Amino acid sequence: MSLWLILIIVGVVMLVLGVAVEAAQVLIWVGVAVIVVSLIMTLINRGKTRV
């Protein structure tokens, strides 16, 4: 499983259960940030290989 997927799933489960809501929101945002950074890195690497 991907790191971002695990972070988002754990965050959503914590939100649904109402446990540590602030920590759950942080986990979800960190998961989203990991997705965005990995997509940017993929696009940068793809651009370098074409040149």
PDB file of N, CA and C in Angstrom:
ATOM      1  N   MET A   1       0.830  -1.185   0.000  1.00  0.00           N
ATOM      2  CA  MET A   1       0.000   0.000   0.000  1.00  0.00           C
ATOM      3  C   MET A   1       0.870   1.242   0.000  1.00  0.00           C
ATOM      4  N   SER A   2       0.403   2.248  -0.641  1.00  0.00           N
ATOM      5  CA  SER A   2       1.135   3.510  -0.706  1.00  0.00           C
ATOM      6  C   SER A   2       1.031   4.259   0.620  1.00  0.00           C
ATOM      7  N   LEU A   3       2.065   5.035   0.900  1.00  0.00           N
ATOM      8  CA  LEU A   3       2.097   5.820   2.139  1.00  0.00           C
ATOM      9  C   LEU A   3       0.938   6.801   2.198  1.00  0.00           C
ATOM     10  N   TRP A   4       0.669   7.488   1.095  1.00  0.00           N
ATOM     11  CA  TRP A   4      -0.399   8.481   1.093  1.00  0.00           C
ATOM     12  C   TRP A   4      -1.750   7.837   1.348  1.00  0.00           C
ATOM     13  N   LEU A   5      -1.951   6.637   0.804  1.00  0.00           N
ATOM     14  CA  LEU A   5      -3.225   5.951   0.987  1.00  0.00           C
ATOM     15  C   LEU A   5      -3.413   5.541   2.442  1.00  0.00           C
ATOM     16  N   ILE A   6      -2.358   5.044   3.068  1.00  0.00           N
ATOM     17  CA  ILE A   6      -2.428   4.654   4.474  1.00  0.00           C
ATOM     18  C   ILE A   6      -2.738   5.867   5.351  1.00  0.00           C
ATOM     19  N   LEU A   7      -2.048   6.991   5.088  1.00  0.00           N
ATOM     20  CA  LEU A   7      -2.278   8.202   5.882  1.00  0.00           C
ATOM     21  C   LEU A   7      -3.717   8.690   5.769  1.00  0.00           C
ATOM     22  N   ILE A   8      -4.245   8.695   4.549  1.00  0.00           N
ATOM     23  CA  ILE A   8      -5.613   9.177   4.343  1.00  0.00           C
ATOM     24  C   ILE A   8      -6.622   8.231   4.986  1.00  0.00           C
ATOM     25  N   ILE A   9      -6.424   6.922   4.839  1.00  0.00           N
ATOM     26  CA  ILE A   9      -7.357   5.958   5.434  1.00  0.00           C
ATOM     27  C   ILE A   9      -7.361   6.083   6.956  1.00  0.00           C
ATOM     28  N   VAL A  10      -6.179   6.160   7.558  1.00  0.00           N
ATOM     29  CA  VAL A  10      -6.101   6.298   9.021  1.00  0.00           C
ATOM     30  C   VAL A  10      -6.762   7.604   9.461  1.00  0.00           C
ATOM     31  N   GLY A  11      -6.519   8.681   8.731  1.00  0.00           N
ATOM     32  CA  GLY A  11      -7.136   9.960   9.070  1.00  0.00           C
ATOM     33  C   GLY A  11      -8.649   9.931   8.980  1.00  0.00           C
ATOM     34  N   VAL A  12      -9.166   9.313   7.937  1.00  0.00           N
ATOM     35  CA  VAL A  12     -10.626   9.234   7.766  1.00  0.00           C
ATOM     36  C   VAL A  12     -11.250   8.365   8.855  1.00  0.00           C
ATOM     37  N   VAL A  13     -10.612   7.242   9.168  1.00  0.00           N
ATOM     38  CA  VAL A  13     -11.134   6.380  10.228  1.00  0.00           C
ATOM     39  C   VAL A  13     -11.152   7.119  11.560  1.00  0.00           C
ATOM     40  N   MET A  14     -10.091   7.869  11.845  1.00  0.00           N
ATOM     41  CA  MET A  14     -10.049   8.634  13.094  1.00  0.00           C
ATOM     42  C   MET A  14     -11.138   9.707  13.121  1.00  0.00           C
ATOM     43  N   LEU A  15     -11.383  10.342  11.968  1.00  0.00           N
ATOM     44  CA  LEU A  15     -12.446  11.353  11.918  1.00  0.00           C
ATOM     45  C   LEU A  15     -13.814  10.719  12.145  1.00  0.00           C
ATOM     46  N   VAL A  16     -14.043   9.568  11.518  1.00  0.00           N
ATOM     47  CA  VAL A  16     -15.339   8.902  11.656  1.00  0.00           C
ATOM     48  C   VAL A  16     -15.570   8.475  13.105  1.00  0.00           C
ATOM     49  N   LEU A  17     -14.525   7.965  13.744  1.00  0.00           N
ATOM     50  CA  LEU A  17     -14.662   7.534  15.135  1.00  0.00           C
ATOM     51  C   LEU A  17     -14.661   8.707  16.107  1.00  0.00           C
ATOM     52  N   GLY A  18     -14.250   9.872  15.663  1.00  0.00           N
ATOM     53  CA  GLY A  18     -14.220  11.049  16.518  1.00  0.00           C
ATOM     54  C   GLY A  18     -13.033  11.079  17.458  1.00  0.00           C
ATOM     55  N   VAL A  19     -12.013  10.295  17.135  1.00  0.00           N
ATOM     56  CA  VAL A  19     -10.824  10.209  17.985  1.00  0.00           C
ATOM     57  C   VAL A  19      -9.755  11.143  17.420  1.00  0.00           C
ATOM     58  N   ALA A  20      -9.238  12.018  18.247  1.00  0.00           N
ATOM     59  CA  ALA A  20      -8.147  12.927  17.866  1.00  0.00           C
ATOM     60  C   ALA A  20      -8.424  13.590  16.515  1.00  0.00           C
ATOM     61  N   VAL A  21      -9.473  14.383  16.481  1.00  0.00           N
ATOM     62  CA  VAL A  21      -9.922  15.002  15.235  1.00  0.00           C
ATOM     63  C   VAL A  21      -8.828  15.869  14.620  1.00  0.00           C
ATOM     64  N   GLU A  22      -8.119  16.613  15.438  1.00  0.00           N
ATOM     65  CA  GLU A  22      -7.044  17.469  14.907  1.00  0.00           C
ATOM     66  C   GLU A  22      -5.941  16.626  14.273  1.00  0.00           C
ATOM     67  N   ALA A  23      -5.564  15.545  14.936  1.00  0.00           N
ATOM     68  CA  ALA A  23      -4.519  14.666  14.394  1.00  0.00           C
ATOM     69  C   ALA A  23      -5.003  14.008  13.111  1.00  0.00           C
ATOM     70  N   ALA A  24      -6.264  13.661  13.052  1.00  0.00           N
ATOM     71  CA  ALA A  24      -6.817  13.044  11.850  1.00  0.00           C
ATOM     72  C   ALA A  24      -6.753  14.006  10.672  1.00  0.00           C
ATOM     73  N   GLN A  25      -7.086  15.258  10.912  1.00  0.00           N
ATOM     74  CA  GLN A  25      -7.029  16.250   9.843  1.00  0.00           C
ATOM     75  C   GLN A  25      -5.600  16.454   9.371  1.00  0.00           C
ATOM     76  N   VAL A  26      -4.649  16.439  10.290  1.00  0.00           N
ATOM     77  CA  VAL A  26      -3.241  16.572   9.915  1.00  0.00           C
ATOM     78  C   VAL A  26      -2.810  15.390   9.059  1.00  0.00           C
ATOM     79  N   LEU A  27      -3.212  14.182   9.443  1.00  0.00           N
ATOM     80  CA  LEU A  27      -2.855  12.999   8.652  1.00  0.00           C
ATOM     81  C   LEU A  27      -3.421  13.082   7.236  1.00  0.00           C
ATOM     82  N   ILE A  28      -4.652  13.544   7.121  1.00  0.00           N
ATOM     83  CA  ILE A  28      -5.268  13.666   5.793  1.00  0.00           C
ATOM     84  C   ILE A  28      -4.506  14.690   4.958  1.00  0.00           C
ATOM     85  N   TRP A  29      -4.165  15.839   5.548  1.00  0.00           N
ATOM     86  CA  TRP A  29      -3.438  16.864   4.798  1.00  0.00           C
ATOM     87  C   TRP A  29      -2.039  16.404   4.414  1.00  0.00           C
ATOM     88  N   VAL A  30      -1.385  15.655   5.306  1.00  0.00           N
ATOM     89  CA  VAL A  30      -0.060  15.120   4.967  1.00  0.00           C
ATOM     90  C   VAL A  30      -0.176  14.128   3.816  1.00  0.00           C
ATOM     91  N   GLY A  31      -1.209  13.303   3.827  1.00  0.00           N
ATOM     92  CA  GLY A  31      -1.436  12.361   2.724  1.00  0.00           C
ATOM     93  C   GLY A  31      -1.651  13.076   1.402  1.00  0.00           C
ATOM     94  N   VAL A  32      -2.435  14.145   1.428  1.00  0.00           N
ATOM     95  CA  VAL A  32      -2.670  14.924   0.211  1.00  0.00           C
ATOM     96  C   VAL A  32      -1.373  15.577  -0.261  1.00  0.00           C
ATOM     97  N   ALA A  33      -0.583  16.075   0.672  1.00  0.00           N
ATOM     98  CA  ALA A  33       0.691  16.705   0.308  1.00  0.00           C
ATOM     99  C   ALA A  33       1.635  15.688  -0.327  1.00  0.00           C
ATOM    100  N   VAL A  34       1.654  14.465   0.188  1.00  0.00           N
ATOM    101  CA  VAL A  34       2.501  13.427  -0.389  1.00  0.00           C
ATOM    102  C   VAL A  34       2.063  13.103  -1.813  1.00  0.00           C
ATOM    103  N   ILE A  35       0.757  13.062  -2.047  1.00  0.00           N
ATOM    104  CA  ILE A  35       0.245  12.820  -3.408  1.00  0.00           C
ATOM    105  C   ILE A  35       0.711  13.922  -4.348  1.00  0.00           C
ATOM    106  N   VAL A  36       0.537  15.173  -3.940  1.00  0.00           N
ATOM    107  CA  VAL A  36       0.896  16.305  -4.800  1.00  0.00           C
ATOM    108  C   VAL A  36       2.391  16.310  -5.097  1.00  0.00           C
ATOM    109  N   VAL A  37       3.216  16.097  -4.088  1.00  0.00           N
ATOM    110  CA  VAL A  37       4.663  16.101  -4.291  1.00  0.00           C
ATOM    111  C   VAL A  37       5.079  14.960  -5.209  1.00  0.00           C
ATOM    112  N   SER A  38       4.490  13.784  -5.034  1.00  0.00           N
ATOM    113  CA  SER A  38       4.854  12.658  -5.895  1.00  0.00           C
ATOM    114  C   SER A  38       4.420  12.901  -7.340  1.00  0.00           C
ATOM    115  N   LEU A  39       3.275  13.524  -7.538  1.00  0.00           N
ATOM    116  CA  LEU A  39       2.837  13.843  -8.902  1.00  0.00           C
ATOM    117  C   LEU A  39       3.771  14.858  -9.552  1.00  0.00           C
ATOM    118  N   ILE A  40       4.174  15.871  -8.803  1.00  0.00           N
ATOM    119  CA  ILE A  40       5.096  16.880  -9.340  1.00  0.00           C
ATOM    120  C   ILE A  40       6.431  16.241  -9.702  1.00  0.00           C
ATOM    121  N   MET A  41       6.952  15.389  -8.816  1.00  0.00           N
ATOM    122  CA  MET A  41       8.227  14.726  -9.091  1.00  0.00           C
ATOM    123  C   MET A  41       8.127  13.819 -10.316  1.00  0.00           C
ATOM    124  N   THR A  42       6.998  13.143 -10.482  1.00  0.00           N
ATOM    125  CA  THR A  42       6.790  12.297 -11.661  1.00  0.00           C
ATOM    126  C   THR A  42       6.797  13.132 -12.933  1.00  0.00           C
ATOM    127  N   LEU A  43       6.117  14.274 -12.906  1.00  0.00           N
ATOM    128  CA  LEU A  43       6.080  15.133 -14.089  1.00  0.00           C
ATOM    129  C   LEU A  43       7.463  15.693 -14.409  1.00  0.00           C
ATOM    130  N   ILE A  44       8.215  16.067 -13.379  1.00  0.00           N
ATOM    131  CA  ILE A  44       9.560  16.601 -13.600  1.00  0.00           C
ATOM    132  C   ILE A  44      10.466  15.530 -14.197  1.00  0.00           C
ATOM    133  N   ASN A  45      10.406  14.333 -13.640  1.00  0.00           N
ATOM    134  CA  ASN A  45      11.242  13.240 -14.149  1.00  0.00           C
ATOM    135  C   ASN A  45      10.851  12.831 -15.553  1.00  0.00           C
ATOM    136  N   ARG A  46       9.556  12.858 -15.843  1.00  0.00           N
ATOM    137  CA  ARG A  46       9.090  12.512 -17.190  1.00  0.00           C
ATOM    138  C   ARG A  46       9.589  13.539 -18.204  1.00  0.00           C
ATOM    139  N   GLY A  47       9.598  14.818 -17.806  1.00  0.00           N
ATOM    140  CA  GLY A  47      10.083  15.878 -18.683  1.00  0.00           C
ATOM    141  C   GLY A  47      11.578  15.739 -18.956  1.00  0.00           C
ATOM    142  N   LYS A  48      12.339  15.325 -17.972  1.00  0.00           N
ATOM    143  CA  LYS A  48      13.779  15.172 -18.144  1.00  0.00           C
ATOM    144  C   LYS A  48      14.124  14.011 -19.067  1.00  0.00           C
ATOM    145  N   THR A  49      13.343  12.934 -19.013  1.00  0.00           N
ATOM    146  CA  THR A  49      13.652  11.771 -19.846  1.00  0.00           C
ATOM    147  C   THR A  49      13.309  12.012 -21.317  1.00  0.00           C
ATOM    148  N   ARG A  50      12.398  12.914 -21.595  1.00  0.00           N
ATOM    149  CA  ARG A  50      12.026  13.194 -22.977  1.00  0.00           C
ATOM    150  C   ARG A  50      13.066  14.047 -23.689  1.00  0.00           C
ATOM    151  N   VAL A  51      13.801  14.847 -22.937  1.00  0.00           N
ATOM    152  CA  VAL A  51      14.757  15.771 -23.545  1.00  0.00           C
ATOM    153  C   VAL A  51      16.034  15.066 -23.916  1.00  0.00           C
TER     154      VAL A  51
END
